[in-house]
Structures are given as C-alpha cells and as structure tokens.
Amino acid sequence: MKVNSKGKPPKVPLGPKPDSPIEVGQERHIDLSININDTGCGISKEGISNLFMNFGKLKENAHKNKQGTGLGLTIIKSIVDQVHGHIDIHSTPEQGSLFRISLPVS
C-alpha cells in the first residue's frame, strides 16, 4: 500500500453515493462512490489537467516519487470510462487530495 508524505496510508471509504430518494415504480439507479483522500503534497490545477496522460508524471512532485511508470491513473480512468463512471479530483497544494470515483450500479 502506498503512503503519503507523512507516512500514513490514504483513507479509502466505500459506500453508496446518496442521490435523490427512490420512489415506488421508479427505475433504481445507485452510484458506488469510492473516495481516496490523503494529506500528502497535493496537486496544482495544472497538474490535475495532466494526471491521466499515458506515462505522465507530475513535474511538481517528481522529486517525491521516483518510482512508478505513470500508468496507474491512466488505467483507472480507462476502466471507469468503460463502465460509464467518472472521477472527480479536489486538491490543494501542500494540503492533500480527494479522488472520488463514481460507478453506476444497477
């Protein structure tokens, strides 16, 4: 398991994403929401726009993570897109990041 710059693992809670209440006779639609939250170095807005590039590594944090191929997030994004899900990213440099993956469940 990866750890952040403070040596702690990221928090990964699993659970349904609360949508509007389901009424009787209405088609049931639920999104599974996976939140990955860390208190690491964070990512700039420019860095977020480059996260899903093949073999991409953030220059701003290159000195902190010399391992890796730059394919992990590209693969995750490809899988999420194939099942019609989406990924939201909220990050503040020097404070951490929240990655929210929402997957439709029927």
Protein backbone atom coordinates (compact mmCIF):
# COMPACT_ATOMS: atom_id res chain seq x y z
CA MET A 1 0.00 0.00 0.00
CA LYS A 2 1.23 3.45 -0.80
CA VAL A 3 1.64 6.02 1.92
CA ASN A 4 1.55 9.79 1.76
CA SER A 5 4.40 12.15 2.56
CA LYS A 6 3.54 11.90 6.26
CA GLY A 7 3.88 8.08 6.21
CA LYS A 8 0.15 7.43 6.54
CA PRO A 9 -1.95 5.33 4.13
CA PRO A 10 -4.75 7.13 2.26
CA LYS A 11 -8.31 6.74 3.54
CA VAL A 12 -10.49 4.69 1.19
CA PRO A 13 -14.13 4.57 2.41
CA LEU A 14 -16.57 2.55 0.30
CA GLY A 15 -20.31 3.08 0.15
CA PRO A 16 -23.26 4.14 -1.98
CA LYS A 17 -23.35 7.72 -3.14
CA PRO A 18 -26.54 9.31 -1.80
CA ASP A 19 -28.73 10.51 -4.67
CA SER A 20 -32.36 11.57 -4.62
CA PRO A 21 -34.78 9.24 -2.81
CA ILE A 22 -36.13 6.36 -4.90
CA GLU A 23 -39.90 6.40 -5.39
CA VAL A 24 -42.06 3.31 -5.98
CA GLY A 25 -42.19 2.45 -9.68
CA GLN A 26 -39.11 4.50 -10.45
CA GLU A 27 -36.12 2.83 -12.10
CA ARG A 28 -33.48 2.23 -9.47
CA HIS A 29 -30.11 3.89 -10.04
CA ILE A 30 -27.32 3.93 -7.50
CA ASP A 31 -23.73 5.10 -7.87
CA LEU A 32 -21.00 3.39 -5.90
CA SER A 33 -18.68 6.10 -4.65
CA ILE A 34 -15.05 5.34 -3.82
CA ASN A 35 -13.26 8.20 -2.08
CA ILE A 36 -9.49 8.25 -1.80
CA ASN A 37 -8.36 11.04 0.49
CA ASP A 38 -4.81 11.84 1.51
CA THR A 39 -2.94 14.55 3.34
CA GLY A 40 0.08 14.47 1.05
CA CYS A 41 1.67 17.17 -1.09
CA GLY A 42 -1.46 17.99 -3.13
CA ILE A 43 -1.70 18.79 -6.84
CA SER A 44 -1.93 22.13 -8.64
CA LYS A 45 -4.79 22.85 -11.08
CA GLU A 46 -2.33 22.50 -13.96
CA GLY A 47 -1.16 19.16 -12.57
CA ILE A 48 -4.74 17.86 -12.31
CA SER A 49 -5.29 18.55 -16.02
CA ASN A 50 -2.26 16.34 -16.83
CA LEU A 51 -2.96 13.45 -14.45
CA PHE A 52 -4.44 11.00 -16.94
CA MET A 53 -1.76 11.15 -19.63
CA ASN A 54 0.00 7.87 -20.51
CA PHE A 55 3.38 7.66 -18.80
CA GLY A 56 2.66 11.04 -17.27
CA LYS A 57 4.30 12.17 -14.06
CA LEU A 58 3.76 15.46 -12.34
CA LYS A 59 6.87 17.57 -12.60
CA GLU A 60 5.89 19.44 -9.46
CA ASN A 61 6.16 16.25 -7.37
CA ALA A 62 8.74 14.27 -9.37
CA HIS A 63 11.35 14.52 -6.63
CA LYS A 64 8.95 12.84 -4.15
CA ASN A 65 8.00 9.80 -6.25
CA LYS A 66 10.77 8.44 -8.43
CA GLN A 67 9.14 5.02 -8.73
CA GLY A 68 6.18 4.21 -10.90
CA THR A 69 5.58 4.25 -14.62
CA GLY A 70 2.90 6.93 -14.87
CA LEU A 71 0.25 4.43 -15.96
CA GLY A 72 -1.77 3.83 -12.79
CA LEU A 73 -4.26 6.69 -13.10
CA THR A 74 -4.49 6.22 -16.89
CA ILE A 75 -5.56 2.60 -16.36
CA ILE A 76 -8.05 3.55 -13.62
CA LYS A 77 -9.54 6.28 -15.83
CA SER A 78 -9.89 3.83 -18.74
CA ILE A 79 -11.75 1.30 -16.55
CA VAL A 80 -14.02 3.96 -15.05
CA ASP A 81 -14.85 5.33 -18.52
CA GLN A 82 -15.69 1.83 -19.82
CA VAL A 83 -18.39 1.40 -17.16
CA HIS A 84 -19.70 4.97 -17.69
CA GLY A 85 -18.41 6.26 -14.36
CA HIS A 86 -16.47 9.39 -13.61
CA ILE A 87 -13.62 10.67 -11.47
CA ASP A 88 -13.68 13.96 -9.57
CA ILE A 89 -10.48 15.41 -8.15
CA HIS A 90 -10.22 18.10 -5.50
CA SER A 91 -6.73 19.05 -4.40
CA THR A 92 -4.90 21.82 -2.59
CA PRO A 93 -1.11 22.03 -2.91
CA GLU A 94 0.66 21.27 0.39
CA GLN A 95 -2.62 20.02 1.94
CA GLY A 96 -3.68 16.89 0.06
CA SER A 97 -6.11 15.49 -2.46
CA LEU A 98 -9.50 13.83 -2.70
CA PHE A 99 -10.20 11.48 -5.60
CA ARG A 100 -13.87 10.47 -5.89
CA ILE A 101 -14.67 7.62 -8.28
CA SER A 102 -18.38 7.15 -9.01
CA LEU A 103 -19.51 3.95 -10.69
CA PRO A 104 -23.09 3.24 -11.78
CA VAL A 105 -24.62 0.17 -10.18
CA SER A 106 -27.88 -1.31 -11.45
